[in-house]
PDB file of N, CA and C in Angstrom:
ATOM      1  N   MET A   1       0.841  -1.189   0.000  1.00  0.00           N
ATOM      2  CA  MET A   1       0.000   0.000   0.000  1.00  0.00           C
ATOM      3  C   MET A   1       0.882   1.247   0.000  1.00  0.00           C
ATOM      4  N   SER A   2       0.353   2.283  -0.584  1.00  0.00           N
ATOM      5  CA  SER A   2       1.094   3.540  -0.598  1.00  0.00           C
ATOM      6  C   SER A   2       0.809   4.338   0.669  1.00  0.00           C
ATOM      7  N   ILE A   3       1.577   5.361   0.870  1.00  0.00           N
ATOM      8  CA  ILE A   3       1.384   6.236   2.029  1.00  0.00           C
ATOM      9  C   ILE A   3       0.014   6.902   1.976  1.00  0.00           C
ATOM     10  N   VAL A   4      -0.413   7.301   0.778  1.00  0.00           N
ATOM     11  CA  VAL A   4      -1.723   7.957   0.621  1.00  0.00           C
ATOM     12  C   VAL A   4      -2.841   6.989   0.987  1.00  0.00           C
ATOM     13  N   ASP A   5      -2.727   5.719   0.551  1.00  0.00           N
ATOM     14  CA  ASP A   5      -3.743   4.723   0.899  1.00  0.00           C
ATOM     15  C   ASP A   5      -3.831   4.529   2.413  1.00  0.00           C
ATOM     16  N   ASP A   6      -2.675   4.445   3.080  1.00  0.00           N
ATOM     17  CA  ASP A   6      -2.658   4.292   4.538  1.00  0.00           C
ATOM     18  C   ASP A   6      -3.289   5.491   5.232  1.00  0.00           C
ATOM     19  N   LEU A   7      -2.978   6.689   4.766  1.00  0.00           N
ATOM     20  CA  LEU A   7      -3.523   7.902   5.366  1.00  0.00           C
ATOM     21  C   LEU A   7      -5.043   7.954   5.219  1.00  0.00           C
ATOM     22  N   VAL A   8      -5.540   7.687   4.027  1.00  0.00           N
ATOM     23  CA  VAL A   8      -6.986   7.720   3.786  1.00  0.00           C
ATOM     24  C   VAL A   8      -7.680   6.635   4.606  1.00  0.00           C
ATOM     25  N   GLU A   9      -7.096   5.447   4.661  1.00  0.00           N
ATOM     26  CA  GLU A   9      -7.694   4.358   5.431  1.00  0.00           C
ATOM     27  C   GLU A   9      -7.778   4.717   6.918  1.00  0.00           C
ATOM     28  N   ASN A  10      -6.714   5.302   7.483  1.00  0.00           N
ATOM     29  CA  ASN A  10      -6.731   5.703   8.892  1.00  0.00           C
ATOM     30  C   ASN A  10      -7.750   6.791   9.157  1.00  0.00           C
ATOM     31  N   LEU A  11      -7.877   7.740   8.245  1.00  0.00           N
ATOM     32  CA  LEU A  11      -8.854   8.807   8.434  1.00  0.00           C
ATOM     33  C   LEU A  11     -10.276   8.267   8.416  1.00  0.00           C
ATOM     34  N   VAL A  12     -10.554   7.344   7.512  1.00  0.00           N
ATOM     35  CA  VAL A  12     -11.913   6.810   7.390  1.00  0.00           C
ATOM     36  C   VAL A  12     -12.244   5.884   8.554  1.00  0.00           C
ATOM     37  N   GLU A  13     -11.302   5.046   8.962  1.00  0.00           N
ATOM     38  CA  GLU A  13     -11.567   4.079  10.023  1.00  0.00           C
ATOM     39  C   GLU A  13     -11.624   4.710  11.410  1.00  0.00           C
ATOM     40  N   ARG A  14     -10.791   5.689  11.689  1.00  0.00           N
ATOM     41  CA  ARG A  14     -10.664   6.227  13.044  1.00  0.00           C
ATOM     42  C   ARG A  14     -11.526   7.439  13.324  1.00  0.00           C
ATOM     43  N   HIS A  15     -11.896   8.185  12.318  1.00  0.00           N
ATOM     44  CA  HIS A  15     -12.529   9.474  12.546  1.00  0.00           C
ATOM     45  C   HIS A  15     -13.962   9.518  12.038  1.00  0.00           C
ATOM     46  N   ALA A  16     -14.758  10.332  12.706  1.00  0.00           N
ATOM     47  CA  ALA A  16     -16.144  10.560  12.302  1.00  0.00           C
ATOM     48  C   ALA A  16     -16.384  12.059  12.309  1.00  0.00           C
ATOM     49  N   ILE A  17     -17.197  12.523  11.382  1.00  0.00           N
ATOM     50  CA  ILE A  17     -17.546  13.944  11.302  1.00  0.00           C
ATOM     51  C   ILE A  17     -19.035  14.087  11.583  1.00  0.00           C
ATOM     52  N   ARG A  18     -19.357  14.979  12.483  1.00  0.00           N
ATOM     53  CA  ARG A  18     -20.741  15.281  12.824  1.00  0.00           C
ATOM     54  C   ARG A  18     -21.055  16.696  12.329  1.00  0.00           C
ATOM     55  N   LEU A  19     -22.091  16.849  11.527  1.00  0.00           N
ATOM     56  CA  LEU A  19     -22.506  18.153  11.017  1.00  0.00           C
ATOM     57  C   LEU A  19     -23.894  18.479  11.517  1.00  0.00           C
ATOM     58  N   SER A  20     -24.095  19.735  11.902  1.00  0.00           N
ATOM     59  CA  SER A  20     -25.425  20.212  12.266  1.00  0.00           C
ATOM     60  C   SER A  20     -25.455  21.711  12.030  1.00  0.00           C
ATOM     61  N   GLY A  21     -26.630  22.277  12.112  1.00  0.00           N
ATOM     62  CA  GLY A  21     -26.760  23.709  11.918  1.00  0.00           C
ATOM     63  C   GLY A  21     -28.089  24.048  11.282  1.00  0.00           C
ATOM     64  N   THR A  22     -28.268  25.323  11.085  1.00  0.00           N
ATOM     65  CA  THR A  22     -29.490  25.801  10.443  1.00  0.00           C
ATOM     66  C   THR A  22     -29.125  26.851   9.414  1.00  0.00           C
ATOM     67  N   PHE A  23     -29.914  26.898   8.361  1.00  0.00           N
ATOM     68  CA  PHE A  23     -29.731  27.945   7.369  1.00  0.00           C
ATOM     69  C   PHE A  23     -31.050  28.183   6.645  1.00  0.00           C
ATOM     70  N   THR A  24     -31.164  29.348   6.074  1.00  0.00           N
ATOM     71  CA  THR A  24     -32.353  29.705   5.302  1.00  0.00           C
ATOM     72  C   THR A  24     -31.946  30.014   3.874  1.00  0.00           C
ATOM     73  N   ILE A  25     -32.810  29.629   2.973  1.00  0.00           N
ATOM     74  CA  ILE A  25     -32.609  29.932   1.559  1.00  0.00           C
ATOM     75  C   ILE A  25     -33.743  30.850   1.135  1.00  0.00           C
ATOM     76  N   SER A  26     -33.389  31.978   0.545  1.00  0.00           N
ATOM     77  CA  SER A  26     -34.410  32.919   0.087  1.00  0.00           C
ATOM     78  C   SER A  26     -34.127  33.322  -1.357  1.00  0.00           C
ATOM     79  N   LEU A  27     -35.185  33.598  -2.064  1.00  0.00           N
ATOM     80  CA  LEU A  27     -35.048  34.058  -3.438  1.00  0.00           C
ATOM     81  C   LEU A  27     -34.834  35.555  -3.445  1.00  0.00           C
ATOM     82  N   ILE A  28     -33.857  35.990  -4.218  1.00  0.00           N
ATOM     83  CA  ILE A  28     -33.587  37.419  -4.360  1.00  0.00           C
ATOM     84  C   ILE A  28     -33.633  37.756  -5.843  1.00  0.00           C
ATOM     85  N   ASN A  29     -33.581  39.020  -6.152  1.00  0.00           N
ATOM     86  CA  ASN A  29     -33.632  39.450  -7.542  1.00  0.00           C
ATOM     87  C   ASN A  29     -32.430  38.885  -8.296  1.00  0.00           C
ATOM     88  N   GLY A  30     -32.674  37.976  -9.226  1.00  0.00           N
ATOM     89  CA  GLY A  30     -31.606  37.407 -10.039  1.00  0.00           C
ATOM     90  C   GLY A  30     -30.939  36.172  -9.471  1.00  0.00           C
ATOM     91  N   GLY A  31     -31.458  35.587  -8.390  1.00  0.00           N
ATOM     92  CA  GLY A  31     -30.812  34.397  -7.853  1.00  0.00           C
ATOM     93  C   GLY A  31     -31.371  33.963  -6.520  1.00  0.00           C
ATOM     94  N   ALA A  32     -30.492  33.442  -5.656  1.00  0.00           N
ATOM     95  CA  ALA A  32     -30.881  32.941  -4.343  1.00  0.00           C
ATOM     96  C   ALA A  32     -29.810  33.319  -3.317  1.00  0.00           C
ATOM     97  N   ALA A  33     -30.227  33.455  -2.056  1.00  0.00           N
ATOM     98  CA  ALA A  33     -29.311  33.768  -0.962  1.00  0.00           C
ATOM     99  C   ALA A  33     -29.457  32.707   0.126  1.00  0.00           C
ATOM    100  N   MET A  34     -28.341  32.382   0.801  1.00  0.00           N
ATOM    101  CA  MET A  34     -28.349  31.416   1.885  1.00  0.00           C
ATOM    102  C   MET A  34     -27.613  32.028   3.077  1.00  0.00           C
ATOM    103  N   LYS A  35     -28.253  31.978   4.249  1.00  0.00           N
ATOM    104  CA  LYS A  35     -27.652  32.512   5.480  1.00  0.00           C
ATOM    105  C   LYS A  35     -27.906  31.542   6.622  1.00  0.00           C
ATOM    106  N   GLY A  36     -26.954  31.465   7.552  1.00  0.00           N
ATOM    107  CA  GLY A  36     -27.124  30.608   8.716  1.00  0.00           C
ATOM    108  C   GLY A  36     -25.794  30.274   9.362  1.00  0.00           C
ATOM    109  N   GLU A  37     -25.756  29.144  10.108  1.00  0.00           N
ATOM    110  CA  GLU A  37     -24.549  28.692  10.786  1.00  0.00           C
ATOM    111  C   GLU A  37     -24.401  27.183  10.632  1.00  0.00           C
ATOM    112  N   LEU A  38     -23.154  26.736  10.558  1.00  0.00           N
ATOM    113  CA  LEU A  38     -22.823  25.321  10.450  1.00  0.00           C
ATOM    114  C   LEU A  38     -21.935  24.952  11.627  1.00  0.00           C
ATOM    115  N   PHE A  39     -22.275  23.854  12.303  1.00  0.00           N
ATOM    116  CA  PHE A  39     -21.473  23.345  13.410  1.00  0.00           C
ATOM    117  C   PHE A  39     -20.926  21.977  12.998  1.00  0.00           C
ATOM    118  N   SER A  40     -19.627  21.769  13.179  1.00  0.00           N
ATOM    119  CA  SER A  40     -18.995  20.517  12.777  1.00  0.00           C
ATOM    120  C   SER A  40     -18.039  20.052  13.876  1.00  0.00           C
ATOM    121  N   THR A  41     -17.990  18.734  14.076  1.00  0.00           N
ATOM    122  CA  THR A  41     -17.085  18.136  15.056  1.00  0.00           C
ATOM    123  C   THR A  41     -16.364  16.965  14.397  1.00  0.00           C
ATOM    124  N   LEU A  42     -15.034  16.947  14.499  1.00  0.00           N
ATOM    125  CA  LEU A  42     -14.219  15.823  14.045  1.00  0.00           C
ATOM    126  C   LEU A  42     -13.844  15.024  15.284  1.00  0.00           C
ATOM    127  N   ARG A  43     -14.216  13.728  15.317  1.00  0.00           N
ATOM    128  CA  ARG A  43     -14.032  12.904  16.509  1.00  0.00           C
ATOM    129  C   ARG A  43     -13.159  11.696  16.191  1.00  0.00           C
ATOM    130  N   ASP A  44     -12.165  11.458  17.054  1.00  0.00           N
ATOM    131  CA  ASP A  44     -11.334  10.253  16.974  1.00  0.00           C
ATOM    132  C   ASP A  44     -12.093   9.147  17.698  1.00  0.00           C
ATOM    133  N   GLN A  45     -12.567   8.146  16.962  1.00  0.00           N
ATOM    134  CA  GLN A  45     -13.409   7.108  17.552  1.00  0.00           C
ATOM    135  C   GLN A  45     -12.622   6.135  18.434  1.00  0.00           C
ATOM    136  N   ARG A  46     -11.365   5.899  18.146  1.00  0.00           N
ATOM    137  CA  ARG A  46     -10.573   4.971  18.969  1.00  0.00           C
ATOM    138  C   ARG A  46     -10.275   5.555  20.347  1.00  0.00           C
ATOM    139  N   LYS A  47      -9.909   6.832  20.392  1.00  0.00           N
ATOM    140  CA  LYS A  47      -9.577   7.481  21.662  1.00  0.00           C
ATOM    141  C   LYS A  47     -10.800   8.081  22.340  1.00  0.00           C
ATOM    142  N   GLY A  48     -11.895   8.241  21.604  1.00  0.00           N
ATOM    143  CA  GLY A  48     -13.111   8.808  22.177  1.00  0.00           C
ATOM    144  C   GLY A  48     -12.995  10.295  22.472  1.00  0.00           C
ATOM    145  N   LYS A  49     -12.188  11.009  21.674  1.00  0.00           N
ATOM    146  CA  LYS A  49     -11.979  12.442  21.904  1.00  0.00           C
ATOM    147  C   LYS A  49     -12.381  13.249  20.680  1.00  0.00           C
ATOM    148  N   ASP A  50     -12.893  14.442  20.952  1.00  0.00           N
ATOM    149  CA  ASP A  50     -13.151  15.389  19.869  1.00  0.00           C
ATOM    150  C   ASP A  50     -11.842  16.087  19.516  1.00  0.00           C
ATOM    151  N   LEU A  51     -11.473  16.054  18.230  1.00  0.00           N
ATOM    152  CA  LEU A  51     -10.229  16.677  17.794  1.00  0.00           C
ATOM    153  C   LEU A  51     -10.428  18.110  17.342  1.00  0.00           C
ATOM    154  N   LEU A  52     -11.602  18.409  16.779  1.00  0.00           N
ATOM    155  CA  LEU A  52     -11.837  19.725  16.206  1.00  0.00           C
ATOM    156  C   LEU A  52     -13.305  20.073  16.318  1.00  0.00           C
ATOM    157  N   ASN A  53     -13.598  21.246  16.852  1.00  0.00           N
ATOM    158  CA  ASN A  53     -14.951  21.791  16.868  1.00  0.00           C
ATOM    159  C   ASN A  53     -14.937  23.053  16.022  1.00  0.00           C
ATOM    160  N   LEU A  54     -15.875  23.148  15.109  1.00  0.00           N
ATOM    161  CA  LEU A  54     -15.897  24.256  14.166  1.00  0.00           C
ATOM    162  C   LEU A  54     -17.281  24.870  14.123  1.00  0.00           C
ATOM    163  N   LYS A  55     -17.325  26.184  14.213  1.00  0.00           N
ATOM    164  CA  LYS A  55     -18.571  26.935  14.060  1.00  0.00           C
ATOM    165  C   LYS A  55     -18.329  27.929  12.934  1.00  0.00           C
ATOM    166  N   ALA A  56     -19.044  27.776  11.827  1.00  0.00           N
ATOM    167  CA  ALA A  56     -18.800  28.605  10.646  1.00  0.00           C
ATOM    168  C   ALA A  56     -20.087  29.290  10.203  1.00  0.00           C
ATOM    169  N   PRO A  57     -20.018  30.597   9.994  1.00  0.00           N
ATOM    170  CA  PRO A  57     -21.196  31.290   9.465  1.00  0.00           C
ATOM    171  C   PRO A  57     -21.347  31.013   7.967  1.00  0.00           C
ATOM    172  N   ILE A  58     -22.585  30.999   7.517  1.00  0.00           N
ATOM    173  CA  ILE A  58     -22.883  30.836   6.100  1.00  0.00           C
ATOM    174  C   ILE A  58     -23.564  32.110   5.626  1.00  0.00           C
ATOM    175  N   ASP A  59     -22.995  32.734   4.610  1.00  0.00           N
ATOM    176  CA  ASP A  59     -23.590  33.928   4.002  1.00  0.00           C
ATOM    177  C   ASP A  59     -23.198  33.928   2.527  1.00  0.00           C
ATOM    178  N   ALA A  60     -24.095  33.439   1.685  1.00  0.00           N
ATOM    179  CA  ALA A  60     -23.765  33.280   0.269  1.00  0.00           C
ATOM    180  C   ALA A  60     -24.925  33.738  -0.609  1.00  0.00           C
ATOM    181  N   GLU A  61     -24.573  34.224  -1.783  1.00  0.00           N
ATOM    182  CA  GLU A  61     -25.559  34.586  -2.794  1.00  0.00           C
ATOM    183  C   GLU A  61     -25.144  33.958  -4.115  1.00  0.00           C
ATOM    184  N   VAL A  62     -26.121  33.439  -4.823  1.00  0.00           N
ATOM    185  CA  VAL A  62     -25.882  32.829  -6.123  1.00  0.00           C
ATOM    186  C   VAL A  62     -26.738  33.558  -7.139  1.00  0.00           C
ATOM    187  N   ALA A  63     -26.090  34.026  -8.192  1.00  0.00           N
ATOM    188  CA  ALA A  63     -26.823  34.705  -9.259  1.00  0.00           C
ATOM    189  C   ALA A  63     -27.076  33.713 -10.391  1.00  0.00           C
ATOM    190  N   VAL A  64     -28.262  33.771 -10.927  1.00  0.00           N
ATOM    191  CA  VAL A  64     -28.642  32.908 -12.040  1.00  0.00           C
ATOM    192  C   VAL A  64     -28.776  33.784 -13.269  1.00  0.00           C
ATOM    193  N   GLY A  65     -28.127  33.363 -14.346  1.00  0.00           N
ATOM    194  CA  GLY A  65     -28.205  34.121 -15.588  1.00  0.00           C
ATOM    195  C   GLY A  65     -29.613  34.118 -16.157  1.00  0.00           C
ATOM    196  N   GLU A  66     -29.797  34.939 -17.142  1.00  0.00           N
ATOM    197  CA  GLU A  66     -31.114  35.053 -17.775  1.00  0.00           C
ATOM    198  C   GLU A  66     -31.470  33.744 -18.460  1.00  0.00           C
ATOM    199  N   ILE A  67     -32.688  33.302 -18.221  1.00  0.00           N
ATOM    200  CA  ILE A  67     -33.166  32.065 -18.828  1.00  0.00           C
ATOM    201  C   ILE A  67     -34.142  32.426 -19.939  1.00  0.00           C
ATOM    202  N   VAL A  68     -33.871  31.924 -21.125  1.00  0.00           N
ATOM    203  CA  VAL A  68     -34.727  32.190 -22.274  1.00  0.00           C
ATOM    204  C   VAL A  68     -35.413  30.888 -22.660  1.00  0.00           C
ATOM    205  N   VAL A  69     -36.747  30.922 -22.671  1.00  0.00           N
ATOM    206  CA  VAL A  69     -37.515  29.741 -23.057  1.00  0.00           C
ATOM    207  C   VAL A  69     -38.139  30.031 -24.427  1.00  0.00           C
ATOM    208  N   PRO A  70     -37.687  29.366 -25.474  1.00  0.00           N
ATOM    209  CA  PRO A  70     -38.278  29.618 -26.787  1.00  0.00           C
ATOM    210  C   PRO A  70     -39.679  29.035 -26.870  1.00  0.00           C
ATOM    211  N   LEU A  71     -40.603  29.792 -27.399  1.00  0.00           N
ATOM    212  CA  LEU A  71     -41.977  29.328 -27.577  1.00  0.00           C
ATOM    213  C   LEU A  71     -42.241  29.109 -29.057  1.00  0.00           C
ATOM    214  N   PRO A  72     -42.974  28.065 -29.393  1.00  0.00           N
ATOM    215  CA  PRO A  72     -43.265  27.848 -30.818  1.00  0.00           C
ATOM    216  C   PRO A  72     -44.259  28.890 -31.327  1.00  0.00           C
ATOM    217  N   GLN A  73     -44.184  29.136 -32.601  1.00  0.00           N
ATOM    218  CA  GLN A  73     -45.123  30.082 -33.207  1.00  0.00           C
ATOM    219  C   GLN A  73     -46.500  29.439 -33.307  1.00  0.00           C
ATOM    220  N   ILE A  74     -47.507  30.204 -32.970  1.00  0.00           N
ATOM    221  CA  ILE A  74     -48.885  29.728 -33.068  1.00  0.00           C
ATOM    222  C   ILE A  74     -49.476  30.302 -34.334  1.00  0.00           C
ATOM    223  N   LYS A  75     -49.935  29.429 -35.218  1.00  0.00           N
ATOM    224  CA  LYS A  75     -50.511  29.881 -36.504  1.00  0.00           C
ATOM    225  C   LYS A  75     -51.981  29.603 -36.567  1.00  0.00           C
TER     226      LYS A  75
END
């Protein structure tokens, strides 16, 4: 096995990630906006310890380009 294989295997076998949080999605002029908070915990399952606790704010906007729907001619 390579070093990368060993590293990935150890990360998958020993660690667990817990995600939680709340966010809202709203429609805005030309797209959508998302706001809220994300809570994440990285836990070492063999030792039973939390290695990393993360609290991250979410504040994003996505713009959608103009959508053109061609309509057939009615005769």
